[in-house]
N, C-alpha and C. Protein backbone atom coordinates (compact mmCIF):
# COMPACT_ATOMS: atom_id res chain seq x y z
N MET A 1 1.26 -16.38 -42.11
CA MET A 1 2.00 -17.57 -42.49
C MET A 1 1.01 -18.68 -42.87
N LYS A 2 1.36 -19.43 -43.91
CA LYS A 2 0.51 -20.51 -44.35
C LYS A 2 0.40 -21.57 -43.26
N LYS A 3 -0.77 -22.17 -43.18
CA LYS A 3 -0.99 -23.21 -42.19
C LYS A 3 -0.16 -24.45 -42.52
N ASN A 4 -0.06 -24.80 -43.79
CA ASN A 4 0.71 -25.97 -44.23
C ASN A 4 1.86 -25.52 -45.13
N LYS A 5 3.05 -26.01 -44.86
CA LYS A 5 4.19 -25.75 -45.73
C LYS A 5 4.26 -26.87 -46.76
N ASN A 6 4.73 -26.54 -47.93
CA ASN A 6 4.94 -27.62 -48.88
C ASN A 6 6.24 -28.34 -48.51
N TYR A 7 6.45 -29.50 -49.10
CA TYR A 7 7.61 -30.33 -48.73
C TYR A 7 8.93 -29.60 -48.94
N GLN A 8 9.09 -28.93 -50.07
CA GLN A 8 10.37 -28.26 -50.36
C GLN A 8 10.67 -27.19 -49.31
N GLU A 9 9.67 -26.41 -48.93
CA GLU A 9 9.87 -25.40 -47.89
C GLU A 9 10.27 -26.05 -46.57
N TRP A 10 9.58 -27.12 -46.21
CA TRP A 10 9.88 -27.85 -44.98
C TRP A 10 11.31 -28.39 -45.01
N LEU A 11 11.68 -29.00 -46.16
CA LEU A 11 13.02 -29.57 -46.30
C LEU A 11 14.09 -28.50 -46.17
N LEU A 12 13.92 -27.39 -46.86
CA LEU A 12 14.93 -26.33 -46.81
C LEU A 12 15.06 -25.77 -45.40
N GLU A 13 13.97 -25.70 -44.69
CA GLU A 13 14.03 -25.24 -43.29
C GLU A 13 14.86 -26.22 -42.45
N LYS A 14 14.63 -27.51 -42.63
CA LYS A 14 15.39 -28.54 -41.89
C LYS A 14 16.87 -28.50 -42.23
N LEU A 15 17.18 -28.26 -43.52
CA LEU A 15 18.57 -28.31 -43.99
C LEU A 15 19.39 -27.10 -43.58
N LYS A 16 18.78 -26.14 -42.93
CA LYS A 16 19.55 -25.02 -42.37
C LYS A 16 20.41 -25.50 -41.21
N ASP A 17 19.96 -26.59 -40.57
CA ASP A 17 20.70 -27.18 -39.46
C ASP A 17 21.86 -28.02 -40.01
N HIS A 18 23.06 -27.77 -39.51
CA HIS A 18 24.27 -28.45 -40.00
C HIS A 18 24.14 -29.97 -39.91
N ASP A 19 23.73 -30.47 -38.76
CA ASP A 19 23.64 -31.92 -38.57
C ASP A 19 22.61 -32.55 -39.50
N GLU A 20 21.49 -31.87 -39.70
CA GLU A 20 20.46 -32.36 -40.62
C GLU A 20 21.01 -32.40 -42.05
N ALA A 21 21.74 -31.35 -42.43
CA ALA A 21 22.32 -31.29 -43.78
C ALA A 21 23.32 -32.42 -43.99
N VAL A 22 24.15 -32.67 -42.98
CA VAL A 22 25.15 -33.74 -43.09
C VAL A 22 24.46 -35.10 -43.25
N ALA A 23 23.46 -35.36 -42.42
CA ALA A 23 22.74 -36.64 -42.50
C ALA A 23 22.06 -36.80 -43.87
N TYR A 24 21.46 -35.73 -44.35
CA TYR A 24 20.78 -35.74 -45.65
C TYR A 24 21.77 -36.02 -46.79
N LEU A 25 22.91 -35.35 -46.77
CA LEU A 25 23.91 -35.57 -47.81
C LEU A 25 24.49 -36.97 -47.74
N ASN A 26 24.73 -37.47 -46.53
CA ASN A 26 25.25 -38.84 -46.39
C ASN A 26 24.27 -39.87 -46.93
N ALA A 27 22.99 -39.68 -46.65
CA ALA A 27 21.97 -40.60 -47.17
C ALA A 27 21.92 -40.53 -48.70
N ALA A 28 22.00 -39.34 -49.25
CA ALA A 28 21.98 -39.18 -50.72
C ALA A 28 23.23 -39.79 -51.34
N LEU A 29 24.38 -39.62 -50.69
CA LEU A 29 25.62 -40.19 -51.21
C LEU A 29 25.54 -41.72 -51.19
N GLU A 30 25.05 -42.28 -50.11
CA GLU A 30 24.91 -43.74 -50.02
C GLU A 30 23.99 -44.25 -51.13
N GLU A 31 22.89 -43.56 -51.34
CA GLU A 31 21.94 -43.95 -52.39
C GLU A 31 22.59 -43.84 -53.78
N SER A 32 23.42 -42.82 -53.96
CA SER A 32 24.04 -42.60 -55.28
C SER A 32 25.02 -43.70 -55.65
N LEU A 33 25.49 -44.44 -54.67
CA LEU A 33 26.45 -45.50 -54.94
C LEU A 33 25.81 -46.73 -55.58
N LYS A 34 24.49 -46.71 -55.74
CA LYS A 34 23.82 -47.81 -56.44
C LYS A 34 24.25 -47.85 -57.89
N GLY A 35 24.68 -46.69 -58.43
CA GLY A 35 25.26 -46.65 -59.75
C GLY A 35 24.34 -46.30 -60.90
N ASP A 36 23.04 -46.38 -60.71
CA ASP A 36 22.17 -46.03 -61.83
C ASP A 36 22.06 -44.50 -61.93
N GLU A 37 21.66 -44.03 -63.10
CA GLU A 37 21.62 -42.59 -63.37
C GLU A 37 20.71 -41.83 -62.40
N GLU A 38 19.56 -42.41 -62.10
CA GLU A 38 18.60 -41.76 -61.20
C GLU A 38 19.20 -41.57 -59.80
N SER A 39 19.82 -42.61 -59.27
CA SER A 39 20.36 -42.51 -57.91
C SER A 39 21.57 -41.57 -57.87
N GLN A 40 22.34 -41.51 -58.93
CA GLN A 40 23.48 -40.60 -58.95
C GLN A 40 23.03 -39.15 -58.96
N TYR A 41 21.92 -38.86 -59.60
CA TYR A 41 21.39 -37.51 -59.62
C TYR A 41 20.91 -37.07 -58.24
N LEU A 42 20.54 -38.02 -57.39
CA LEU A 42 20.06 -37.68 -56.05
C LEU A 42 21.09 -36.89 -55.26
N PHE A 43 22.37 -37.24 -55.39
CA PHE A 43 23.39 -36.53 -54.63
C PHE A 43 23.51 -35.08 -55.11
N LEU A 44 23.44 -34.86 -56.41
CA LEU A 44 23.49 -33.49 -56.93
C LEU A 44 22.28 -32.70 -56.46
N THR A 45 21.12 -33.34 -56.45
CA THR A 45 19.91 -32.69 -55.95
C THR A 45 20.06 -32.34 -54.48
N ALA A 46 20.63 -33.25 -53.72
CA ALA A 46 20.84 -33.01 -52.29
C ALA A 46 21.79 -31.84 -52.08
N LEU A 47 22.86 -31.79 -52.85
CA LEU A 47 23.79 -30.65 -52.74
C LEU A 47 23.09 -29.34 -53.05
N LYS A 48 22.27 -29.35 -54.08
CA LYS A 48 21.54 -28.13 -54.45
C LYS A 48 20.58 -27.72 -53.34
N ASN A 49 19.87 -28.68 -52.75
CA ASN A 49 18.94 -28.37 -51.67
C ASN A 49 19.68 -27.80 -50.46
N VAL A 50 20.81 -28.37 -50.10
CA VAL A 50 21.58 -27.86 -48.97
C VAL A 50 22.10 -26.45 -49.29
N ALA A 51 22.56 -26.25 -50.52
CA ALA A 51 23.03 -24.92 -50.92
C ALA A 51 21.91 -23.89 -50.80
N GLU A 52 20.72 -24.23 -51.29
CA GLU A 52 19.58 -23.31 -51.21
C GLU A 52 19.21 -23.01 -49.77
N ALA A 53 19.28 -24.02 -48.92
CA ALA A 53 18.92 -23.84 -47.51
C ALA A 53 19.93 -22.99 -46.76
N GLN A 54 21.17 -23.05 -47.19
CA GLN A 54 22.23 -22.38 -46.44
C GLN A 54 22.80 -21.17 -47.17
N GLY A 55 21.91 -20.38 -47.73
CA GLY A 55 22.34 -19.12 -48.32
C GLY A 55 22.15 -18.98 -49.81
N GLY A 56 21.77 -20.05 -50.49
CA GLY A 56 21.52 -19.98 -51.92
C GLY A 56 22.67 -20.48 -52.78
N VAL A 57 22.34 -20.88 -53.99
CA VAL A 57 23.33 -21.41 -54.91
C VAL A 57 24.33 -20.33 -55.32
N GLY A 58 23.85 -19.10 -55.51
CA GLY A 58 24.76 -18.01 -55.86
C GLY A 58 25.80 -17.77 -54.79
N ASN A 59 25.37 -17.81 -53.54
CA ASN A 59 26.29 -17.64 -52.41
C ASN A 59 27.31 -18.78 -52.37
N LEU A 60 26.84 -20.01 -52.59
CA LEU A 60 27.75 -21.15 -52.61
C LEU A 60 28.75 -21.03 -53.76
N ALA A 61 28.29 -20.57 -54.91
CA ALA A 61 29.19 -20.38 -56.05
C ALA A 61 30.31 -19.40 -55.70
N ARG A 62 29.96 -18.30 -55.04
CA ARG A 62 30.99 -17.34 -54.63
C ARG A 62 31.99 -17.97 -53.67
N LYS A 63 31.49 -18.68 -52.67
CA LYS A 63 32.36 -19.31 -51.68
C LYS A 63 33.29 -20.35 -52.32
N ALA A 64 32.74 -21.09 -53.29
CA ALA A 64 33.51 -22.14 -53.95
C ALA A 64 34.35 -21.61 -55.11
N LYS A 65 34.22 -20.31 -55.38
CA LYS A 65 34.93 -19.66 -56.49
C LYS A 65 34.57 -20.30 -57.83
N LEU A 66 33.26 -20.48 -58.01
CA LEU A 66 32.71 -21.03 -59.25
C LEU A 66 31.71 -20.04 -59.80
N GLY A 67 31.48 -20.09 -61.09
CA GLY A 67 30.46 -19.26 -61.70
C GLY A 67 29.07 -19.74 -61.31
N ARG A 68 28.16 -18.80 -61.02
CA ARG A 68 26.81 -19.15 -60.59
C ARG A 68 26.09 -19.98 -61.64
N GLU A 69 26.11 -19.54 -62.89
CA GLU A 69 25.43 -20.28 -63.95
C GLU A 69 26.05 -21.66 -64.15
N SER A 70 27.36 -21.71 -64.05
CA SER A 70 28.07 -22.99 -64.17
C SER A 70 27.66 -23.94 -63.05
N LEU A 71 27.51 -23.40 -61.84
CA LEU A 71 27.11 -24.24 -60.72
C LEU A 71 25.69 -24.75 -60.89
N TYR A 72 24.79 -23.89 -61.38
CA TYR A 72 23.42 -24.36 -61.64
C TYR A 72 23.43 -25.51 -62.65
N LYS A 73 24.26 -25.41 -63.68
CA LYS A 73 24.36 -26.49 -64.67
C LYS A 73 24.95 -27.74 -64.05
N THR A 74 25.96 -27.57 -63.21
CA THR A 74 26.61 -28.69 -62.54
C THR A 74 25.61 -29.46 -61.68
N LEU A 75 24.72 -28.73 -61.00
CA LEU A 75 23.77 -29.36 -60.09
C LEU A 75 22.46 -29.78 -60.78
N SER A 76 22.43 -29.64 -62.10
CA SER A 76 21.23 -30.03 -62.85
C SER A 76 21.25 -31.53 -63.13
N LYS A 77 20.15 -32.02 -63.66
CA LYS A 77 20.03 -33.45 -63.97
C LYS A 77 21.10 -33.91 -64.96
N LYS A 78 21.51 -33.02 -65.84
CA LYS A 78 22.54 -33.37 -66.83
C LYS A 78 23.94 -32.99 -66.35
N GLY A 79 24.04 -32.52 -65.12
CA GLY A 79 25.33 -32.12 -64.58
C GLY A 79 26.28 -33.29 -64.45
N ASN A 80 27.54 -33.00 -64.64
CA ASN A 80 28.58 -34.02 -64.53
C ASN A 80 29.80 -33.36 -63.88
N PRO A 81 29.71 -33.10 -62.57
CA PRO A 81 30.78 -32.34 -61.93
C PRO A 81 32.09 -33.12 -61.85
N THR A 82 33.16 -32.37 -61.89
CA THR A 82 34.47 -32.97 -61.70
C THR A 82 34.69 -33.18 -60.20
N TRP A 83 35.68 -33.98 -59.88
CA TRP A 83 36.02 -34.20 -58.47
C TRP A 83 36.38 -32.86 -57.81
N HIS A 84 37.14 -32.05 -58.50
CA HIS A 84 37.54 -30.75 -57.97
C HIS A 84 36.32 -29.90 -57.61
N THR A 85 35.33 -29.89 -58.48
CA THR A 85 34.12 -29.11 -58.22
C THR A 85 33.38 -29.64 -57.00
N LEU A 86 33.23 -30.96 -56.92
CA LEU A 86 32.55 -31.54 -55.75
C LEU A 86 33.27 -31.20 -54.45
N VAL A 87 34.58 -31.33 -54.45
CA VAL A 87 35.36 -31.01 -53.25
C VAL A 87 35.21 -29.54 -52.91
N SER A 88 35.26 -28.67 -53.91
CA SER A 88 35.10 -27.23 -53.68
C SER A 88 33.74 -26.92 -53.06
N LEU A 89 32.70 -27.58 -53.54
CA LEU A 89 31.36 -27.35 -53.02
C LEU A 89 31.24 -27.83 -51.57
N VAL A 90 31.75 -29.01 -51.31
CA VAL A 90 31.69 -29.56 -49.95
C VAL A 90 32.44 -28.66 -48.98
N MET A 91 33.61 -28.22 -49.38
CA MET A 91 34.40 -27.33 -48.51
C MET A 91 33.70 -26.00 -48.30
N ALA A 92 33.10 -25.45 -49.35
CA ALA A 92 32.40 -24.16 -49.25
C ALA A 92 31.19 -24.27 -48.33
N LEU A 93 30.61 -25.46 -48.23
CA LEU A 93 29.49 -25.68 -47.31
C LEU A 93 29.97 -25.93 -45.88
N GLY A 94 31.30 -25.96 -45.69
CA GLY A 94 31.86 -26.19 -44.36
C GLY A 94 31.79 -27.64 -43.93
N LEU A 95 31.80 -28.54 -44.91
CA LEU A 95 31.71 -29.98 -44.63
C LEU A 95 33.01 -30.68 -44.97
N ASN A 96 33.11 -31.94 -44.58
CA ASN A 96 34.27 -32.78 -44.89
C ASN A 96 33.79 -34.03 -45.61
N LEU A 97 34.67 -34.61 -46.41
CA LEU A 97 34.38 -35.89 -47.03
C LEU A 97 35.16 -36.96 -46.26
N ARG A 98 34.47 -38.05 -45.93
CA ARG A 98 35.11 -39.15 -45.20
C ARG A 98 34.59 -40.47 -45.74
N LEU A 99 35.44 -41.47 -45.67
CA LEU A 99 35.03 -42.83 -46.02
C LEU A 99 35.12 -43.67 -44.75
N SER A 100 34.22 -44.57 -44.61
CA SER A 100 34.29 -45.44 -43.44
C SER A 100 33.98 -46.87 -43.82
């Protein structure tokens, strides 16, 4: 095993934990509400990272009943997911959406 993990490996290891994933997604969602394009992409990146940590994007696509290639495009920088897609992804990850 490598003595030092790179950041992405470390992050994906942390995001296997449900509570860590929830906190990470909540932070990304809060940041995305700033409204600029860069901050909005952060939430899609966070979803992709959680998906990769918890079984992979292909696995999430199956659970959410979405096409794998379509999901990769949705979670890309140019992605523009519909509300239905976001809800499907959140539910497939075993999470809930809440406002407070």
